[in-house]
């Protein structure tokens, strides 16, 4: 499982404040702590309230890369903000993200190819997030086909079926889980499949329990990447155990410690 650490995001109050005040230590501690907890990639988002997102993205990338060399997932709705980060990354980046809209895919896939990056494709279009597995699958196929036109292989694509909060869209959990299973059959080799895990519990009172239960179910259906909080130890332990039961890892009595170190 590829863990993408979600915590360096300006929508969080402390991170937003750190970005505004250029509090290097706050960002660097978050980066190091997430990597130590198992994150192979760090999501980097200036947040919705940044007054100068291009400069803030550059500052975040430079700040993080002084203390860790893991890959960065450059997260913005604006392609020019993403490109500012792509110019500075030392390791192959992940672009977060494109939708299935033709114009959006064209611009993002140009950047993906130009900077030899990987890319997250959200299975939504101008009509919004679909309600059915069938529509998600159609949009996923559209994203993969367009990416291939740009010379981007399936192994460099992360398809995101878009998890919705269970407290307002309860029926969508099953649709997302079914979509994860189907996405793996779109092509050979299959694309990666990712979710923004915390969305499933947004607005709920027992967030950690909902997150880890859904994650285990998603892993069982073929999920191989997730944007999540790696500092939630119970969540990561549940993920490791799910992969063990699915025979993806070899059992030993200290399997939690063993696979946390990989």
Protein backbone atom coordinates (compact mmCIF):
# COMPACT_ATOMS: atom_id res chain seq x y z
CA UNK A 1 0.00 0.00 0.00
CA UNK A 2 1.29 3.43 -0.95
CA UNK A 3 0.61 5.86 1.88
CA UNK A 4 0.29 9.50 0.81
CA UNK A 5 0.50 11.68 3.91
CA UNK A 6 -2.32 14.22 3.94
CA UNK A 7 -1.28 16.61 6.71
CA UNK A 8 0.64 19.34 4.85
CA UNK A 9 -2.49 21.10 3.68
CA UNK A 10 -3.35 24.73 4.24
CA UNK A 11 -6.96 23.89 5.01
CA UNK A 12 -5.78 22.75 8.44
CA UNK A 13 -5.66 25.75 10.74
CA UNK A 14 -2.14 25.20 12.09
CA UNK A 15 -0.71 24.50 8.65
CA UNK A 16 -2.45 27.48 7.09
CA UNK A 17 -1.00 29.69 9.82
CA UNK A 18 2.46 28.18 9.29
CA UNK A 19 2.28 28.92 5.56
CA UNK A 20 1.25 32.53 6.12
CA UNK A 21 3.97 33.10 8.73
CA UNK A 22 6.55 30.89 6.98
CA UNK A 23 7.00 28.73 10.08
CA UNK A 24 9.52 26.28 8.66
CA UNK A 25 9.69 24.09 11.76
CA UNK A 26 5.95 23.31 11.71
CA UNK A 27 6.03 22.10 8.11
CA UNK A 28 9.28 20.18 8.49
CA UNK A 29 8.11 18.39 11.64
CA UNK A 30 4.94 17.33 9.83
CA UNK A 31 7.00 16.06 6.91
CA UNK A 32 9.43 14.06 9.04
CA UNK A 33 6.74 12.66 11.34
CA UNK A 34 4.63 11.43 8.42
CA UNK A 35 7.60 9.76 6.73
CA UNK A 36 8.59 8.05 9.97
CA UNK A 37 5.01 6.78 10.28
CA UNK A 38 5.16 5.15 6.85
CA UNK A 39 4.28 7.78 4.23
CA UNK A 40 6.03 7.14 0.91
CA UNK A 41 4.59 10.33 -0.61
CA UNK A 42 3.63 13.64 0.99
CA UNK A 43 0.65 15.59 -0.27
CA UNK A 44 1.44 19.31 -0.53
CA UNK A 45 -1.46 21.76 -0.71
CA UNK A 46 -1.29 25.49 -0.05
CA UNK A 47 -4.96 25.49 0.94
CA UNK A 48 -7.92 27.53 -0.24
CA UNK A 49 -6.97 30.72 1.58
CA UNK A 50 -3.44 31.23 0.24
CA UNK A 51 -3.05 34.73 -1.19
CA UNK A 52 -0.07 33.73 -3.31
CA UNK A 53 -0.34 30.00 -3.99
CA UNK A 54 2.53 29.88 -6.50
CA UNK A 55 5.03 31.31 -4.03
CA UNK A 56 3.57 29.27 -1.18
CA UNK A 57 3.89 26.07 -3.21
CA UNK A 58 7.53 26.85 -3.98
CA UNK A 59 8.22 27.59 -0.31
CA UNK A 60 6.55 24.37 0.84
CA UNK A 61 8.46 22.19 -1.64
CA UNK A 62 11.80 23.76 -0.73
CA UNK A 63 11.02 23.55 2.99
CA UNK A 64 10.03 19.86 2.87
CA UNK A 65 12.93 18.79 0.67
CA UNK A 66 15.44 20.10 3.19
CA UNK A 67 14.44 17.33 5.62
CA UNK A 68 13.20 14.43 3.47
CA UNK A 69 13.65 13.03 -0.02
CA UNK A 70 10.31 11.24 -0.45
CA UNK A 71 8.10 11.98 -3.44
CA UNK A 72 5.65 14.86 -3.25
CA UNK A 73 2.06 14.92 -4.45
CA UNK A 74 1.52 18.49 -5.64
CA UNK A 75 -2.09 19.25 -4.85
CA UNK A 76 -3.93 22.20 -6.38
CA UNK A 77 -6.89 22.99 -8.61
CA UNK A 78 -4.60 25.33 -10.57
CA UNK A 79 -2.17 23.88 -13.11
CA UNK A 80 0.22 26.85 -12.86
CA UNK A 81 0.54 26.34 -9.10
CA UNK A 82 1.35 22.67 -9.63
CA UNK A 83 3.96 23.57 -12.24
CA UNK A 84 5.78 25.83 -9.79
CA UNK A 85 6.26 22.80 -7.56
CA UNK A 86 7.21 20.53 -10.46
CA UNK A 87 10.07 22.86 -11.36
CA UNK A 88 11.62 22.30 -7.92
CA UNK A 89 11.01 18.67 -7.00
CA UNK A 90 14.09 16.48 -6.63
CA UNK A 91 12.21 13.21 -6.89
CA UNK A 92 9.49 12.11 -9.28
CA UNK A 93 6.27 13.86 -8.30
CA UNK A 94 2.59 12.97 -8.34
CA UNK A 95 0.18 15.56 -9.74
CA UNK A 96 -3.01 15.83 -7.69
CA UNK A 97 -5.11 15.99 -9.84
CA UNK A 98 -7.18 16.04 -13.02
CA UNK A 99 -10.86 15.33 -13.59
CA UNK A 100 -12.23 13.64 -16.71
CA UNK A 101 -12.93 17.01 -18.38
CA UNK A 102 -11.24 17.20 -21.77
CA UNK A 103 -9.59 20.60 -21.26
CA UNK A 104 -8.42 19.76 -17.73
CA UNK A 105 -6.92 16.44 -18.81
CA UNK A 106 -5.07 18.07 -21.69
CA UNK A 107 -3.32 20.64 -19.49
CA UNK A 108 -2.52 18.26 -16.64
CA UNK A 109 -1.30 15.45 -18.89
CA UNK A 110 0.97 17.92 -20.69
CA UNK A 111 2.59 18.70 -17.34
CA UNK A 112 2.71 15.02 -16.40
CA UNK A 113 4.61 14.19 -19.56
CA UNK A 114 6.84 17.29 -19.51
CA UNK A 115 8.04 16.67 -15.95
CA UNK A 116 7.94 12.84 -16.03
CA UNK A 117 5.43 12.82 -13.19
CA UNK A 118 2.64 10.50 -12.12
CA UNK A 119 -0.95 11.72 -11.96
CA UNK A 120 -4.17 11.24 -10.00
CA UNK A 121 -7.34 11.13 -12.08
CA UNK A 122 -10.63 11.92 -10.33
CA UNK A 123 -13.60 10.07 -11.79
CA UNK A 124 -15.78 13.14 -12.11
CA UNK A 125 -16.56 15.62 -14.87
CA UNK A 126 -18.38 18.93 -15.24
CA UNK A 127 -21.57 17.21 -14.12
CA UNK A 128 -19.97 16.45 -10.75
CA UNK A 129 -19.35 13.22 -8.86
CA UNK A 130 -21.30 10.32 -10.38
CA UNK A 131 -23.71 8.25 -8.30
CA UNK A 132 -23.07 4.89 -9.91
CA UNK A 133 -20.22 2.45 -10.35
CA UNK A 134 -20.96 2.34 -14.07
CA UNK A 135 -20.43 6.09 -14.56
CA UNK A 136 -17.28 6.07 -12.45
CA UNK A 137 -15.96 3.23 -14.60
CA UNK A 138 -16.78 5.12 -17.79
CA UNK A 139 -14.92 8.21 -16.58
CA UNK A 140 -11.98 6.10 -15.38
CA UNK A 141 -11.68 4.56 -18.84
CA UNK A 142 -11.79 8.04 -20.38
CA UNK A 143 -8.93 9.21 -18.15
CA UNK A 144 -6.77 6.18 -18.90
CA UNK A 145 -7.37 6.40 -22.65
CA UNK A 146 -6.52 10.10 -22.74
CA UNK A 147 -3.39 9.59 -20.65
CA UNK A 148 -2.19 6.88 -23.01
CA UNK A 149 -2.60 9.34 -25.90
CA UNK A 150 -0.04 11.52 -24.13
CA UNK A 151 2.32 8.57 -23.70
CA UNK A 152 1.53 8.12 -20.00
CA UNK A 153 1.38 4.45 -19.01
CA UNK A 154 -1.29 2.99 -16.69
CA UNK A 155 1.36 2.34 -14.03
CA UNK A 156 1.77 6.12 -13.70
CA UNK A 157 -1.95 6.80 -13.26
CA UNK A 158 -3.81 6.79 -9.94
CA UNK A 159 -7.56 6.50 -10.41
CA UNK A 160 -9.67 8.02 -7.63
CA UNK A 161 -13.32 6.89 -7.44
CA UNK A 162 -14.04 9.80 -5.06
CA UNK A 163 -15.16 8.83 -1.60
CA UNK A 164 -18.11 10.81 -0.23
CA UNK A 165 -19.01 11.34 3.45
CA UNK A 166 -20.98 8.42 4.83
CA UNK A 167 -23.16 10.73 6.91
CA UNK A 168 -24.64 12.40 3.82
CA UNK A 169 -24.10 9.83 1.04
CA UNK A 170 -24.28 6.47 2.76
CA UNK A 171 -25.19 4.50 -0.37
CA UNK A 172 -22.07 5.72 -2.14
CA UNK A 173 -19.73 3.62 -0.01
CA UNK A 174 -20.78 0.45 -1.81
CA UNK A 175 -20.51 2.16 -5.21
CA UNK A 176 -16.94 3.26 -4.44
CA UNK A 177 -15.90 -0.20 -3.22
CA UNK A 178 -17.36 -1.81 -6.35
CA UNK A 179 -15.60 0.81 -8.48
CA UNK A 180 -12.24 0.02 -6.89
CA UNK A 181 -12.67 -3.64 -7.84
CA UNK A 182 -13.62 -2.74 -11.44
CA UNK A 183 -10.86 -0.14 -11.95
CA UNK A 184 -8.26 -2.87 -11.66
CA UNK A 185 -9.72 -4.54 -14.75
CA UNK A 186 -9.63 -1.52 -17.07
CA UNK A 187 -6.30 -2.37 -18.65
CA UNK A 188 -3.18 -4.49 -18.34
CA UNK A 189 -1.06 -3.50 -16.52
CA UNK A 190 -3.72 -2.04 -14.24
CA UNK A 191 -3.65 1.55 -13.03
CA UNK A 192 -3.06 2.38 -9.39
CA UNK A 193 -6.19 3.06 -7.35
CA UNK A 194 -6.24 5.76 -4.69
CA UNK A 195 -8.78 7.34 -2.35
CA UNK A 196 -8.83 10.45 -0.22
CA UNK A 197 -9.68 8.39 2.83
CA UNK A 198 -10.65 11.12 5.30
CA UNK A 199 -13.57 12.17 3.10
CA UNK A 200 -15.54 9.09 4.16
CA UNK A 201 -15.79 10.30 7.76
CA UNK A 202 -16.10 14.04 7.10
CA UNK A 203 -18.64 15.50 9.53
CA UNK A 204 -19.00 12.27 11.50
CA UNK A 205 -18.30 11.85 15.21
CA UNK A 206 -16.33 8.58 15.16
CA UNK A 207 -13.94 9.47 12.39
CA UNK A 208 -11.01 7.16 13.07
CA UNK A 209 -13.23 4.06 13.30
CA UNK A 210 -15.02 4.89 10.06
CA UNK A 211 -11.73 5.62 8.30
CA UNK A 212 -10.02 2.39 9.28
CA UNK A 213 -13.08 0.21 8.60
CA UNK A 214 -13.49 1.66 5.13
CA UNK A 215 -9.77 1.39 4.44
CA UNK A 216 -9.73 -2.33 5.27
CA UNK A 217 -12.73 -2.91 3.00
CA UNK A 218 -11.13 -0.90 0.19
CA UNK A 219 -7.83 -2.81 0.48
CA UNK A 220 -9.79 -6.06 0.21
CA UNK A 221 -11.30 -4.77 -3.04
CA UNK A 222 -7.96 -3.85 -4.62
CA UNK A 223 -6.99 -0.42 -3.31
CA UNK A 224 -3.22 0.08 -3.41
CA UNK A 225 -2.82 3.75 -2.40
CA UNK A 226 -4.51 6.17 -0.04
CA UNK A 227 -4.22 9.80 0.98
CA UNK A 228 -4.55 9.54 4.75
CA UNK A 229 -3.22 10.55 8.15
CA UNK A 230 -0.22 8.26 8.74
CA UNK A 231 0.01 9.49 12.34
CA UNK A 232 -3.22 7.60 13.12
CA UNK A 233 -1.51 4.44 14.40
CA UNK A 234 -4.71 2.38 14.63
CA UNK A 235 -5.48 3.23 11.00
CA UNK A 236 -2.07 2.17 9.73
CA UNK A 237 -2.11 -0.98 11.87
CA UNK A 238 -5.49 -1.93 10.36
CA UNK A 239 -4.10 -1.45 6.86
CA UNK A 240 -1.02 -3.59 7.59
CA UNK A 241 -3.19 -6.32 9.08
CA UNK A 242 -5.56 -6.28 6.11
CA UNK A 243 -2.65 -6.77 3.73
CA UNK A 244 -1.33 -9.59 5.91
CA UNK A 245 -4.68 -11.43 5.82
CA UNK A 246 -4.81 -10.93 2.05
CA UNK A 247 -1.45 -12.76 1.88
CA UNK A 248 0.43 -9.71 0.61
CA UNK A 249 2.91 -9.90 3.48
CA UNK A 250 4.54 -12.82 5.30
CA UNK A 251 3.33 -13.44 8.84
CA UNK A 252 5.57 -13.09 11.86
CA UNK A 253 4.57 -12.36 15.46
CA UNK A 254 5.97 -8.84 15.18
CA UNK A 255 4.36 -8.15 11.79
CA UNK A 256 3.15 -4.67 12.76
CA UNK A 257 6.66 -3.50 13.61
CA UNK A 258 8.16 -5.35 10.67
CA UNK A 259 5.93 -3.82 8.01
CA UNK A 260 5.92 -0.37 9.54
CA UNK A 261 9.67 -0.28 8.80
CA UNK A 262 9.34 -1.07 5.09
